[in-house]
Amino acid sequence: MKVKMKWAGVFFLTFCLAFGAIGFSDQAVKFLRMASGPEGGAWYPLGSAMMSIIERELKISTSNGPGGGVVNCKAVNAGRADIGWTYTHTAYNAYEGRGEFVKKHSNLRHLMSLYPGVFQMAVRRDSNIYSVADLRDKRIVPGKIGFTGTIIAELVLKAYGLTFDDIKKNGGMVTFVGYADSAAMLKDGHSDCYMAVTACPQSTLIELNFQPGIRFLPIDEEHMKKILEMEPGLMPTVIPKTAYKGMTEDVPTVGTVTCLVVRADLPDDLVYNIVKTLYAHWPELAEVKKQAIEQAKPEKALLGAKIPVHPGALRYYKEMGYVQ
């Protein structure tokens, strides 16, 4: 009996060592799940490309699913995803338990900052809507529930003394759908304003600018101040006049920084290799979304980060001399 138990113990130890069950090597993680964004935006195709690179180079099975800035933080914190796309101000709110987050999401760590996320409010070029205040009784599409853009839309409306409920009570409509459906509704005349925080320019907005033609609503200085008081993690920015054909001037709006967050308990070596591998194959990502990736430089990987950086990622940035 003792001999059998001895050999059983040897077999178990051998099995654990062979399959990485002991310790925290890269091999201990057999599958990586990413939560990115909706189809029609930059997050989903870039997320798919990133996970393909990781799977090919690190020999780890991967998946990429749709999501939004707020829900992705919740998914990563709860362990339902390993890597999530979000924004630096959203990650900070999640980590601290502010705003949409009722508790502190302490399992989040910063992986890398990417490119600016610009809040864009598009209306048809021939509409009589020229200010956010004009949306009081209109049909708006602020994004899906749980999307960061939807949260920012609420903040912007609040600065102008409006809520989603106010708009509905005034005879307007609020529809919660993703980018592709938002664009289709504006194009078909079923909505008056398409709101999103995304890369600038953005593909569905480029198409809408071609047909039927769009304009962007500005945020004036007075209301910008109110928005930044409510959400100091946001920053003033512009939709540059070079972003979309036909624009004659910059449009002031609010912005943030797109970033990736990871579970705090992912092995340091694995996270180091993820960051190193992605930056080594950055040109592949540029083939998916050229402008977004050109704005995402490794030396800016901590831009806007307000939560702890994962030690594995920090090790890479220190080795490369991006941080001291």
C-alpha atoms as a PDB file:
ATOM      1  CA  MET A   1       0.000   0.000   0.000  1.00  0.00           C
ATOM      2  CA  LYS A   2       2.829   2.381   0.911  1.00  0.00           C
ATOM      3  CA  VAL A   3       4.592   1.562  -2.360  1.00  0.00           C
ATOM      4  CA  LYS A   4       1.461   2.380  -4.345  1.00  0.00           C
ATOM      5  CA  MET A   5       1.043   5.675  -2.510  1.00  0.00           C
ATOM      6  CA  LYS A   6       4.683   6.547  -3.107  1.00  0.00           C
ATOM      7  CA  TRP A   7       4.411   5.946  -6.853  1.00  0.00           C
ATOM      8  CA  ALA A   8       1.116   7.828  -6.962  1.00  0.00           C
ATOM      9  CA  GLY A   9       2.873  10.818  -5.404  1.00  0.00           C
ATOM     10  CA  VAL A  10       5.744  10.623  -7.892  1.00  0.00           C
ATOM     11  CA  PHE A  11       3.269  10.417 -10.787  1.00  0.00           C
ATOM     12  CA  PHE A  12       1.330  13.452  -9.513  1.00  0.00           C
ATOM     13  CA  LEU A  13       4.505  15.508  -9.090  1.00  0.00           C
ATOM     14  CA  THR A  14       5.699  14.544 -12.569  1.00  0.00           C
ATOM     15  CA  PHE A  15       2.294  15.468 -14.034  1.00  0.00           C
ATOM     16  CA  CYS A  16       2.327  18.859 -12.316  1.00  0.00           C
ATOM     17  CA  LEU A  17       5.828  19.666 -13.491  1.00  0.00           C
ATOM     18  CA  ALA A  18       5.097  18.563 -17.029  1.00  0.00           C
ATOM     19  CA  PHE A  19       1.925  20.595 -17.381  1.00  0.00           C
ATOM     20  CA  GLY A  20       2.889  23.689 -15.440  1.00  0.00           C
ATOM     21  CA  ALA A  21       0.484  23.229 -12.522  1.00  0.00           C
ATOM     22  CA  ILE A  22       3.223  24.177 -10.085  1.00  0.00           C
ATOM     23  CA  GLY A  23       4.550  27.715 -10.132  1.00  0.00           C
ATOM     24  CA  PHE A  24       3.588  30.548 -12.440  1.00  0.00           C
ATOM     25  CA  SER A  25       5.334  29.887 -15.739  1.00  0.00           C
ATOM     26  CA  ASP A  26       3.867  30.842 -19.092  1.00  0.00           C
ATOM     27  CA  GLN A  27       2.845  27.207 -19.505  1.00  0.00           C
ATOM     28  CA  ALA A  28       0.558  27.466 -16.461  1.00  0.00           C
ATOM     29  CA  VAL A  29      -1.826  29.513 -18.606  1.00  0.00           C
ATOM     30  CA  LYS A  30      -3.270  27.473 -21.467  1.00  0.00           C
ATOM     31  CA  PHE A  31      -5.928  29.906 -22.659  1.00  0.00           C
ATOM     32  CA  LEU A  32      -6.135  33.704 -22.771  1.00  0.00           C
ATOM     33  CA  ARG A  33      -9.441  35.559 -23.147  1.00  0.00           C
ATOM     34  CA  MET A  34      -9.664  39.127 -24.395  1.00  0.00           C
ATOM     35  CA  ALA A  35     -12.709  41.394 -24.134  1.00  0.00           C
ATOM     36  CA  SER A  36     -12.496  44.139 -26.754  1.00  0.00           C
ATOM     37  CA  GLY A  37     -15.215  46.183 -28.428  1.00  0.00           C
ATOM     38  CA  PRO A  38     -18.110  46.101 -30.866  1.00  0.00           C
ATOM     39  CA  GLU A  39     -17.809  45.354 -34.553  1.00  0.00           C
ATOM     40  CA  GLY A  40     -17.463  48.564 -36.532  1.00  0.00           C
ATOM     41  CA  GLY A  41     -14.939  50.086 -34.126  1.00  0.00           C
ATOM     42  CA  ALA A  42     -11.149  49.787 -33.822  1.00  0.00           C
ATOM     43  CA  TRP A  43     -11.044  47.634 -30.690  1.00  0.00           C
ATOM     44  CA  TYR A  44     -12.519  44.411 -32.049  1.00  0.00           C
ATOM     45  CA  PRO A  45     -10.330  43.960 -35.161  1.00  0.00           C
ATOM     46  CA  LEU A  46      -7.196  45.077 -33.310  1.00  0.00           C
ATOM     47  CA  GLY A  47      -8.045  42.747 -30.431  1.00  0.00           C
ATOM     48  CA  SER A  48      -8.460  39.837 -32.821  1.00  0.00           C
ATOM     49  CA  ALA A  49      -5.131  40.627 -34.470  1.00  0.00           C
ATOM     50  CA  MET A  50      -3.382  40.889 -31.081  1.00  0.00           C
ATOM     51  CA  MET A  51      -4.700  37.539 -29.906  1.00  0.00           C
ATOM     52  CA  SER A  52      -3.720  35.890 -33.195  1.00  0.00           C
ATOM     53  CA  ILE A  53      -0.166  37.137 -32.704  1.00  0.00           C
ATOM     54  CA  ILE A  54      -0.074  35.919 -29.093  1.00  0.00           C
ATOM     55  CA  GLU A  55      -1.464  32.513 -30.065  1.00  0.00           C
ATOM     56  CA  ARG A  56       0.997  32.101 -32.923  1.00  0.00           C
ATOM     57  CA  GLU A  57       4.104  33.323 -31.099  1.00  0.00           C
ATOM     58  CA  LEU A  58       3.489  32.165 -27.513  1.00  0.00           C
ATOM     59  CA  LYS A  59       1.657  28.932 -28.388  1.00  0.00           C
ATOM     60  CA  ILE A  60      -1.274  29.756 -26.113  1.00  0.00           C
ATOM     61  CA  SER A  61      -4.874  29.332 -27.244  1.00  0.00           C
ATOM     62  CA  THR A  62      -6.758  32.649 -27.298  1.00  0.00           C
ATOM     63  CA  SER A  63     -10.149  34.198 -27.879  1.00  0.00           C
ATOM     64  CA  ASN A  64     -11.426  37.723 -28.494  1.00  0.00           C
ATOM     65  CA  GLY A  65     -14.981  38.750 -27.666  1.00  0.00           C
ATOM     66  CA  PRO A  66     -16.989  41.970 -27.975  1.00  0.00           C
ATOM     67  CA  GLY A  67     -17.410  44.305 -25.022  1.00  0.00           C
ATOM     68  CA  GLY A  68     -17.187  47.885 -23.823  1.00  0.00           C
ATOM     69  CA  GLY A  69     -14.930  49.977 -21.595  1.00  0.00           C
ATOM     70  CA  VAL A  70     -16.974  49.573 -18.396  1.00  0.00           C
ATOM     71  CA  VAL A  71     -18.048  45.943 -18.793  1.00  0.00           C
ATOM     72  CA  ASN A  72     -14.528  44.896 -19.789  1.00  0.00           C
ATOM     73  CA  CYS A  73     -13.109  46.219 -16.494  1.00  0.00           C
ATOM     74  CA  LYS A  74     -15.742  44.237 -14.627  1.00  0.00           C
ATOM     75  CA  ALA A  75     -14.998  41.108 -16.656  1.00  0.00           C
ATOM     76  CA  VAL A  76     -11.230  41.280 -16.093  1.00  0.00           C
ATOM     77  CA  ASN A  77     -11.616  42.035 -12.392  1.00  0.00           C
ATOM     78  CA  ALA A  78     -13.949  39.055 -11.955  1.00  0.00           C
ATOM     79  CA  GLY A  79     -11.686  36.726 -13.939  1.00  0.00           C
ATOM     80  CA  ARG A  80     -14.132  36.279 -16.832  1.00  0.00           C
ATOM     81  CA  ALA A  81     -11.486  37.809 -19.128  1.00  0.00           C
ATOM     82  CA  ASP A  82      -7.710  38.039 -18.858  1.00  0.00           C
ATOM     83  CA  ILE A  83      -7.140  41.151 -20.992  1.00  0.00           C
ATOM     84  CA  GLY A  84      -9.622  43.964 -21.554  1.00  0.00           C
ATOM     85  CA  TRP A  85      -9.853  47.075 -23.692  1.00  0.00           C
ATOM     86  CA  THR A  86     -10.949  50.186 -21.862  1.00  0.00           C
ATOM     87  CA  TYR A  87      -9.938  53.796 -21.226  1.00  0.00           C
ATOM     88  CA  THR A  88      -7.505  55.115 -18.638  1.00  0.00           C
ATOM     89  CA  HIS A  89     -10.165  57.155 -16.818  1.00  0.00           C
ATOM     90  CA  THR A  90     -12.552  54.160 -16.793  1.00  0.00           C
ATOM     91  CA  ALA A  91      -9.840  51.869 -15.415  1.00  0.00           C
ATOM     92  CA  TYR A  92      -9.139  54.414 -12.667  1.00  0.00           C
ATOM     93  CA  ASN A  93     -12.824  54.678 -11.756  1.00  0.00           C
ATOM     94  CA  ALA A  94     -13.062  50.882 -11.639  1.00  0.00           C
ATOM     95  CA  TYR A  95      -9.948  50.500  -9.500  1.00  0.00           C
ATOM     96  CA  GLU A  96     -11.161  53.149  -7.048  1.00  0.00           C
ATOM     97  CA  GLY A  97     -14.843  52.140  -7.100  1.00  0.00           C
ATOM     98  CA  ARG A  98     -16.062  55.466  -8.521  1.00  0.00           C
ATOM     99  CA  GLY A  99     -18.889  56.381 -10.873  1.00  0.00           C
ATOM    100  CA  GLU A 100     -20.394  53.303 -12.509  1.00  0.00           C
ATOM    101  CA  PHE A 101     -18.435  50.983 -10.230  1.00  0.00           C
ATOM    102  CA  VAL A 102     -20.013  50.268  -6.849  1.00  0.00           C
ATOM    103  CA  LYS A 103     -16.914  48.538  -5.478  1.00  0.00           C
ATOM    104  CA  LYS A 104     -13.147  48.727  -5.936  1.00  0.00           C
ATOM    105  CA  HIS A 105     -11.882  46.528  -8.760  1.00  0.00           C
ATOM    106  CA  SER A 106      -8.515  45.781  -7.213  1.00  0.00           C
ATOM    107  CA  ASN A 107      -7.679  42.896  -9.572  1.00  0.00           C
ATOM    108  CA  LEU A 108      -7.023  45.327 -12.452  1.00  0.00           C
ATOM    109  CA  ARG A 109      -3.537  46.231 -13.648  1.00  0.00           C
ATOM    110  CA  HIS A 110      -2.437  48.496 -16.491  1.00  0.00           C
ATOM    111  CA  LEU A 111      -0.875  46.694 -19.463  1.00  0.00           C
ATOM    112  CA  MET A 112      -0.390  49.422 -22.090  1.00  0.00           C
ATOM    113  CA  SER A 113      -1.812  52.722 -23.269  1.00  0.00           C
ATOM    114  CA  LEU A 114      -2.626  52.894 -26.958  1.00  0.00           C
ATOM    115  CA  TYR A 115      -4.201  55.884 -28.737  1.00  0.00           C
ATOM    116  CA  PRO A 116      -6.514  58.751 -27.802  1.00  0.00           C
ATOM    117  CA  GLY A 117     -10.241  58.014 -27.629  1.00  0.00           C
ATOM    118  CA  VAL A 118     -12.237  60.997 -28.889  1.00  0.00           C
ATOM    119  CA  PHE A 119     -15.902  61.577 -28.023  1.00  0.00           C
ATOM    120  CA  GLN A 120     -17.707  62.323 -31.284  1.00  0.00           C
ATOM    121  CA  MET A 121     -21.322  63.477 -31.682  1.00  0.00           C
ATOM    122  CA  ALA A 122     -22.373  63.249 -35.332  1.00  0.00           C
ATOM    123  CA  VAL A 123     -25.561  64.707 -36.821  1.00  0.00           C
ATOM    124  CA  ARG A 124     -26.668  64.873 -40.444  1.00  0.00           C
ATOM    125  CA  ARG A 125     -25.151  67.838 -42.255  1.00  0.00           C
ATOM    126  CA  ASP A 126     -28.587  69.124 -43.267  1.00  0.00           C
ATOM    127  CA  SER A 127     -30.094  68.914 -39.747  1.00  0.00           C
ATOM    128  CA  ASN A 128     -31.048  71.902 -37.597  1.00  0.00           C
ATOM    129  CA  ILE A 129     -29.070  70.554 -34.621  1.00  0.00           C
ATOM    130  CA  TYR A 130     -26.097  72.752 -33.763  1.00  0.00           C
ATOM    131  CA  SER A 131     -25.667  72.304 -29.998  1.00  0.00           C
ATOM    132  CA  VAL A 132     -25.953  69.526 -27.424  1.00  0.00           C
ATOM    133  CA  ALA A 133     -28.819  71.570 -25.983  1.00  0.00           C
ATOM    134  CA  ASP A 134     -30.730  70.991 -29.240  1.00  0.00           C
ATOM    135  CA  LEU A 135     -30.879  67.261 -28.438  1.00  0.00           C
ATOM    136  CA  ARG A 136     -33.513  67.807 -25.726  1.00  0.00           C
ATOM    137  CA  ASP A 137     -36.277  66.178 -27.830  1.00  0.00           C
ATOM    138  CA  LYS A 138     -34.290  64.331 -30.503  1.00  0.00           C
ATOM    139  CA  ARG A 139     -33.550  60.684 -31.300  1.00  0.00           C
ATOM    140  CA  ILE A 140     -30.060  59.884 -30.001  1.00  0.00           C
ATOM    141  CA  VAL A 141     -27.903  56.758 -30.096  1.00  0.00           C
ATOM    142  CA  PRO A 142     -25.225  56.990 -27.356  1.00  0.00           C
ATOM    143  CA  GLY A 143     -23.899  53.415 -27.663  1.00  0.00           C
ATOM    144  CA  LYS A 144     -24.669  50.230 -25.795  1.00  0.00           C
ATOM    145  CA  ILE A 145     -25.414  50.151 -22.067  1.00  0.00           C
ATOM    146  CA  GLY A 146     -22.081  49.612 -20.324  1.00  0.00           C
ATOM    147  CA  PHE A 147     -20.030  51.269 -23.067  1.00  0.00           C
ATOM    148  CA  THR A 148     -17.685  54.034 -21.952  1.00  0.00           C
ATOM    149  CA  GLY A 149     -19.080  56.220 -24.727  1.00  0.00           C
ATOM    150  CA  THR A 150     -22.556  55.853 -23.259  1.00  0.00           C
ATOM    151  CA  ILE A 151     -21.271  56.957 -19.855  1.00  0.00           C
ATOM    152  CA  ILE A 152     -19.530  59.971 -21.386  1.00  0.00           C
ATOM    153  CA  ALA A 153     -22.702  60.803 -23.327  1.00  0.00           C
ATOM    154  CA  GLU A 154     -24.594  60.904 -20.015  1.00  0.00           C
ATOM    155  CA  LEU A 155     -21.968  63.247 -18.557  1.00  0.00           C
ATOM    156  CA  VAL A 156     -22.063  65.577 -21.543  1.00  0.00           C
ATOM    157  CA  LEU A 157     -25.863  65.728 -21.499  1.00  0.00           C
ATOM    158  CA  LYS A 158     -25.820  66.309 -17.736  1.00  0.00           C
ATOM    159  CA  ALA A 159     -23.540  69.314 -18.195  1.00  0.00           C
ATOM    160  CA  TYR A 160     -26.225  70.763 -20.476  1.00  0.00           C
ATOM    161  CA  GLY A 161     -28.979  69.995 -17.945  1.00  0.00           C
ATOM    162  CA  LEU A 162     -30.301  66.915 -19.747  1.00  0.00           C
ATOM    163  CA  THR A 163     -30.715  63.205 -19.008  1.00  0.00           C
ATOM    164  CA  PHE A 164     -31.758  60.251 -21.142  1.00  0.00           C
ATOM    165  CA  ASP A 165     -35.111  60.287 -19.354  1.00  0.00           C
ATOM    166  CA  ASP A 166     -35.559  63.996 -20.086  1.00  0.00           C
ATOM    167  CA  ILE A 167     -35.082  63.373 -23.789  1.00  0.00           C
ATOM    168  CA  LYS A 168     -37.662  60.586 -23.782  1.00  0.00           C
ATOM    169  CA  LYS A 169     -40.146  62.681 -21.782  1.00  0.00           C
ATOM    170  CA  ASN A 170     -39.725  65.526 -24.275  1.00  0.00           C
ATOM    171  CA  GLY A 171     -40.752  63.214 -27.122  1.00  0.00           C
ATOM    172  CA  GLY A 172     -37.302  62.080 -28.190  1.00  0.00           C
ATOM    173  CA  MET A 173     -35.827  58.590 -28.207  1.00  0.00           C
ATOM    174  CA  VAL A 174     -32.692  56.929 -26.780  1.00  0.00           C
ATOM    175  CA  THR A 175     -31.513  53.731 -28.462  1.00  0.00           C
ATOM    176  CA  PHE A 176     -28.662  51.635 -27.069  1.00  0.00           C
ATOM    177  CA  VAL A 177     -26.861  49.854 -29.922  1.00  0.00           C
ATOM    178  CA  GLY A 178     -23.297  49.450 -31.202  1.00  0.00           C
ATOM    179  CA  TYR A 179     -21.374  51.407 -33.826  1.00  0.00           C
ATOM    180  CA  ALA A 180     -22.587  49.602 -36.929  1.00  0.00           C
ATOM    181  CA  ASP A 181     -26.259  49.841 -35.963  1.00  0.00           C
ATOM    182  CA  SER A 182     -25.797  53.444 -34.816  1.00  0.00           C
ATOM    183  CA  ALA A 183     -24.408  54.375 -38.213  1.00  0.00           C
ATOM    184  CA  ALA A 184     -27.200  52.541 -40.031  1.00  0.00           C
ATOM    185  CA  MET A 185     -29.870  54.352 -37.998  1.00  0.00           C
ATOM    186  CA  LEU A 186     -28.425  57.785 -38.768  1.00  0.00           C
ATOM    187  CA  LYS A 187     -27.987  56.947 -42.440  1.00  0.00           C
ATOM    188  CA  ASP A 188     -31.568  55.660 -42.761  1.00  0.00           C
ATOM    189  CA  GLY A 189     -33.055  58.669 -40.968  1.00  0.00           C
ATOM    190  CA  HIS A 190     -34.068  56.703 -37.859  1.00  0.00           C
ATOM    191  CA  SER A 191     -31.924  58.757 -35.479  1.00  0.00           C
ATOM    192  CA  ASP A 192     -30.681  62.332 -35.200  1.00  0.00           C
ATOM    193  CA  CYS A 193     -27.360  61.954 -33.375  1.00  0.00           C
ATOM    194  CA  TYR A 194     -24.758  59.188 -33.263  1.00  0.00           C
ATOM    195  CA  MET A 195     -22.467  59.399 -30.212  1.00  0.00           C
ATOM    196  CA  ALA A 196     -19.296  57.391 -29.661  1.00  0.00           C
ATOM    197  CA  VAL A 197     -15.889  57.577 -28.026  1.00  0.00           C
ATOM    198  CA  THR A 198     -13.466  55.936 -30.422  1.00  0.00           C
ATOM    199  CA  ALA A 199     -10.476  56.456 -32.674  1.00  0.00           C
ATOM    200  CA  CYS A 200     -10.539  59.578 -34.817  1.00  0.00           C
ATOM    201  CA  PRO A 201     -11.281  59.249 -37.663  1.00  0.00           C
ATOM    202  CA  GLN A 202     -13.579  56.259 -37.283  1.00  0.00           C
ATOM    203  CA  SER A 203     -14.630  54.001 -40.142  1.00  0.00           C
ATOM    204  CA  THR A 204     -18.424  54.205 -39.792  1.00  0.00           C
ATOM    205  CA  LEU A 205     -18.233  57.986 -39.433  1.00  0.00           C
ATOM    206  CA  ILE A 206     -16.091  58.205 -42.567  1.00  0.00           C
ATOM    207  CA  GLU A 207     -18.822  56.311 -44.422  1.00  0.00           C
ATOM    208  CA  LEU A 208     -21.550  58.550 -42.992  1.00  0.00           C
ATOM    209  CA  ASN A 209     -19.580  61.625 -43.975  1.00  0.00           C
ATOM    210  CA  PHE A 210     -19.664  60.384 -47.556  1.00  0.00           C
ATOM    211  CA  GLN A 211     -23.391  59.591 -47.465  1.00  0.00           C
ATOM    212  CA  PRO A 212     -25.549  61.338 -46.232  1.00  0.00           C
ATOM    213  CA  GLY A 213     -22.930  63.831 -44.931  1.00  0.00           C
ATOM    214  CA  ILE A 214     -22.398  64.737 -41.273  1.00  0.00           C
ATOM    215  CA  ARG A 215     -21.331  67.503 -38.903  1.00  0.00           C
ATOM    216  CA  PHE A 216     -19.988  67.212 -35.348  1.00  0.00           C
ATOM    217  CA  LEU A 217     -21.458  68.949 -32.318  1.00  0.00           C
ATOM    218  CA  PRO A 218     -18.936  70.967 -30.286  1.00  0.00           C
ATOM    219  CA  ILE A 219     -18.627  71.282 -26.517  1.00  0.00           C
ATOM    220  CA  ASP A 220     -18.169  74.932 -25.586  1.00  0.00           C
ATOM    221  CA  GLU A 221     -15.766  76.141 -22.913  1.00  0.00           C
ATOM    222  CA  GLU A 222     -18.426  76.684 -20.236  1.00  0.00           C
ATOM    223  CA  HIS A 223     -19.813  73.164 -20.509  1.00  0.00           C
ATOM    224  CA  MET A 224     -16.359  71.635 -20.939  1.00  0.00           C
ATOM    225  CA  LYS A 225     -15.489  72.971 -17.504  1.00  0.00           C
ATOM    226  CA  LYS A 226     -18.598  71.347 -15.988  1.00  0.00           C
ATOM    227  CA  ILE A 227     -17.793  67.988 -17.607  1.00  0.00           C
ATOM    228  CA  LEU A 228     -14.206  67.986 -16.337  1.00  0.00           C
ATOM    229  CA  GLU A 229     -15.397  68.851 -12.834  1.00  0.00           C
ATOM    230  CA  MET A 230     -17.697  65.809 -12.899  1.00  0.00           C
ATOM    231  CA  GLU A 231     -15.091  63.521 -14.482  1.00  0.00           C
ATOM    232  CA  PRO A 232     -11.527  64.802 -13.968  1.00  0.00           C
ATOM    233  CA  GLY A 233     -10.124  61.704 -15.682  1.00  0.00           C
ATOM    234  CA  LEU A 234     -11.288  63.039 -19.045  1.00  0.00           C
ATOM    235  CA  MET A 235      -9.306  65.634 -20.986  1.00  0.00           C
ATOM    236  CA  PRO A 236     -10.213  68.426 -23.403  1.00  0.00           C
ATOM    237  CA  THR A 237      -9.352  67.602 -26.999  1.00  0.00           C
ATOM    238  CA  VAL A 238     -10.611  68.246 -30.537  1.00  0.00           C
ATOM    239  CA  ILE A 239     -11.865  66.427 -33.595  1.00  0.00           C
ATOM    240  CA  PRO A 240      -9.208  67.886 -35.926  1.00  0.00           C
ATOM    241  CA  LYS A 241     -10.384  69.485 -39.142  1.00  0.00           C
ATOM    242  CA  THR A 242      -8.144  67.057 -40.997  1.00  0.00           C
ATOM    243  CA  ALA A 243     -10.004  64.020 -39.614  1.00  0.00           C
ATOM    244  CA  TYR A 244     -12.961  64.025 -42.014  1.00  0.00           C
ATOM    245  CA  LYS A 245     -13.290  65.416 -45.516  1.00  0.00           C
ATOM    246  CA  GLY A 246     -15.160  68.706 -45.688  1.00  0.00           C
ATOM    247  CA  MET A 247     -14.381  69.902 -42.158  1.00  0.00           C
ATOM    248  CA  THR A 248     -13.247  73.523 -42.030  1.00  0.00           C
ATOM    249  CA  GLU A 249     -12.302  73.856 -38.349  1.00  0.00           C
ATOM    250  CA  ASP A 250     -11.415  71.796 -35.275  1.00  0.00           C
ATOM    251  CA  VAL A 251     -14.388  70.743 -33.128  1.00  0.00           C
ATOM    252  CA  PRO A 252     -13.787  70.921 -29.346  1.00  0.00           C
ATOM    253  CA  THR A 253     -14.801  67.822 -27.418  1.00  0.00           C
ATOM    254  CA  VAL A 254     -13.622  65.548 -24.607  1.00  0.00           C
ATOM    255  CA  GLY A 255     -11.282  62.597 -24.821  1.00  0.00           C
ATOM    256  CA  THR A 256      -9.429  59.912 -22.924  1.00  0.00           C
ATOM    257  CA  VAL A 257      -6.741  57.296 -23.704  1.00  0.00           C
ATOM    258  CA  THR A 258      -7.505  53.810 -24.974  1.00  0.00           C
ATOM    259  CA  CYS A 259      -5.658  51.218 -22.933  1.00  0.00           C
ATOM    260  CA  LEU A 260      -5.440  47.514 -22.131  1.00  0.00           C
ATOM    261  CA  VAL A 261      -5.845  46.162 -18.609  1.00  0.00           C
ATOM    262  CA  VAL A 262      -5.020  42.678 -17.332  1.00  0.00           C
ATOM    263  CA  ARG A 263      -5.705  40.526 -14.314  1.00  0.00           C
ATOM    264  CA  ALA A 264      -3.288  41.263 -11.493  1.00  0.00           C
ATOM    265  CA  ASP A 265      -2.712  37.535 -10.942  1.00  0.00           C
ATOM    266  CA  LEU A 266      -1.470  36.750 -14.454  1.00  0.00           C
ATOM    267  CA  PRO A 267       2.116  35.440 -14.221  1.00  0.00           C
ATOM    268  CA  ASP A 268       4.769  38.150 -14.532  1.00  0.00           C
ATOM    269  CA  ASP A 269       6.748  36.249 -17.183  1.00  0.00           C
ATOM    270  CA  LEU A 270       3.642  35.734 -19.285  1.00  0.00           C
ATOM    271  CA  VAL A 271       2.664  39.409 -19.185  1.00  0.00           C
ATOM    272  CA  TYR A 272       6.258  40.405 -20.009  1.00  0.00           C
ATOM    273  CA  ASN A 273       6.204  38.127 -23.047  1.00  0.00           C
ATOM    274  CA  ILE A 274       2.776  39.382 -24.138  1.00  0.00           C
ATOM    275  CA  VAL A 275       3.975  42.995 -24.177  1.00  0.00           C
ATOM    276  CA  LYS A 276       7.304  42.137 -25.788  1.00  0.00           C
ATOM    277  CA  THR A 277       5.621  40.011 -28.460  1.00  0.00           C
ATOM    278  CA  LEU A 278       2.965  42.565 -29.345  1.00  0.00           C
ATOM    279  CA  TYR A 279       5.460  45.397 -29.768  1.00  0.00           C
ATOM    280  CA  ALA A 280       7.749  43.120 -31.805  1.00  0.00           C
ATOM    281  CA  HIS A 281       4.879  42.585 -34.262  1.00  0.00           C
ATOM    282  CA  TRP A 282       3.465  46.124 -34.213  1.00  0.00           C
ATOM    283  CA  PRO A 283       3.620  46.464 -38.034  1.00  0.00           C
ATOM    284  CA  GLU A 284       1.080  43.627 -38.312  1.00  0.00           C
ATOM    285  CA  LEU A 285      -1.369  45.616 -36.203  1.00  0.00           C
ATOM    286  CA  ALA A 286      -0.813  48.698 -38.361  1.00  0.00           C
ATOM    287  CA  GLU A 287      -2.156  46.697 -41.301  1.00  0.00           C
ATOM    288  CA  VAL A 288      -5.461  46.426 -39.400  1.00  0.00           C
ATOM    289  CA  LYS A 289      -5.853  50.018 -38.158  1.00  0.00           C
ATOM    290  CA  LYS A 290      -2.939  52.079 -39.434  1.00  0.00           C
ATOM    291  CA  GLN A 291      -3.686  55.464 -37.878  1.00  0.00           C
ATOM    292  CA  ALA A 292      -4.612  54.079 -34.455  1.00  0.00           C
ATOM    293  CA  ILE A 293      -1.436  52.015 -34.236  1.00  0.00           C
ATOM    294  CA  GLU A 294       0.747  54.862 -35.484  1.00  0.00           C
ATOM    295  CA  GLN A 295      -0.475  56.879 -32.493  1.00  0.00           C
ATOM    296  CA  ALA A 296       0.251  54.002 -30.086  1.00  0.00           C
ATOM    297  CA  LYS A 297       3.978  54.091 -29.353  1.00  0.00           C
ATOM    298  CA  PRO A 298       5.680  51.862 -26.727  1.00  0.00           C
ATOM    299  CA  GLU A 299       7.316  54.935 -25.211  1.00  0.00           C
ATOM    300  CA  LYS A 300       3.779  56.206 -24.506  1.00  0.00           C
ATOM    301  CA  ALA A 301       2.618  52.912 -22.992  1.00  0.00           C
ATOM    302  CA  LEU A 302       1.961  54.504 -19.597  1.00  0.00           C
ATOM    303  CA  LEU A 303       0.237  57.643 -20.918  1.00  0.00           C
ATOM    304  CA  GLY A 304      -2.717  58.471 -18.688  1.00  0.00           C
ATOM    305  CA  ALA A 305      -2.275  55.361 -16.531  1.00  0.00           C
ATOM    306  CA  LYS A 306      -3.692  55.935 -13.050  1.00  0.00           C
ATOM    307  CA  ILE A 307      -3.766  52.366 -11.750  1.00  0.00           C
ATOM    308  CA  PRO A 308      -0.803  50.099 -10.865  1.00  0.00           C
ATOM    309  CA  VAL A 309       1.129  48.756 -13.843  1.00  0.00           C
ATOM    310  CA  HIS A 310       1.459  44.972 -13.995  1.00  0.00           C
ATOM    311  CA  PRO A 311       5.011  44.035 -12.880  1.00  0.00           C
ATOM    312  CA  GLY A 312       5.568  41.963 -16.020  1.00  0.00           C
ATOM    313  CA  ALA A 313       4.743  44.908 -18.274  1.00  0.00           C
ATOM    314  CA  LEU A 314       6.760  47.319 -16.130  1.00  0.00           C
ATOM    315  CA  ARG A 315       9.790  45.042 -16.422  1.00  0.00           C
ATOM    316  CA  TYR A 316       9.657  45.354 -20.222  1.00  0.00           C
ATOM    317  CA  TYR A 317       9.242  49.150 -20.143  1.00  0.00           C
ATOM    318  CA  LYS A 318      12.202  49.490 -17.776  1.00  0.00           C
ATOM    319  CA  GLU A 319      14.373  47.220 -19.912  1.00  0.00           C
ATOM    320  CA  MET A 320      13.600  49.333 -22.962  1.00  0.00           C
ATOM    321  CA  GLY A 321      14.315  52.574 -21.095  1.00  0.00           C
ATOM    322  CA  TYR A 322      10.775  53.949 -21.375  1.00  0.00           C
ATOM    323  CA  VAL A 323      10.526  54.375 -17.600  1.00  0.00           C
ATOM    324  CA  GLN A 324      13.137  54.634 -14.878  1.00  0.00           C
END
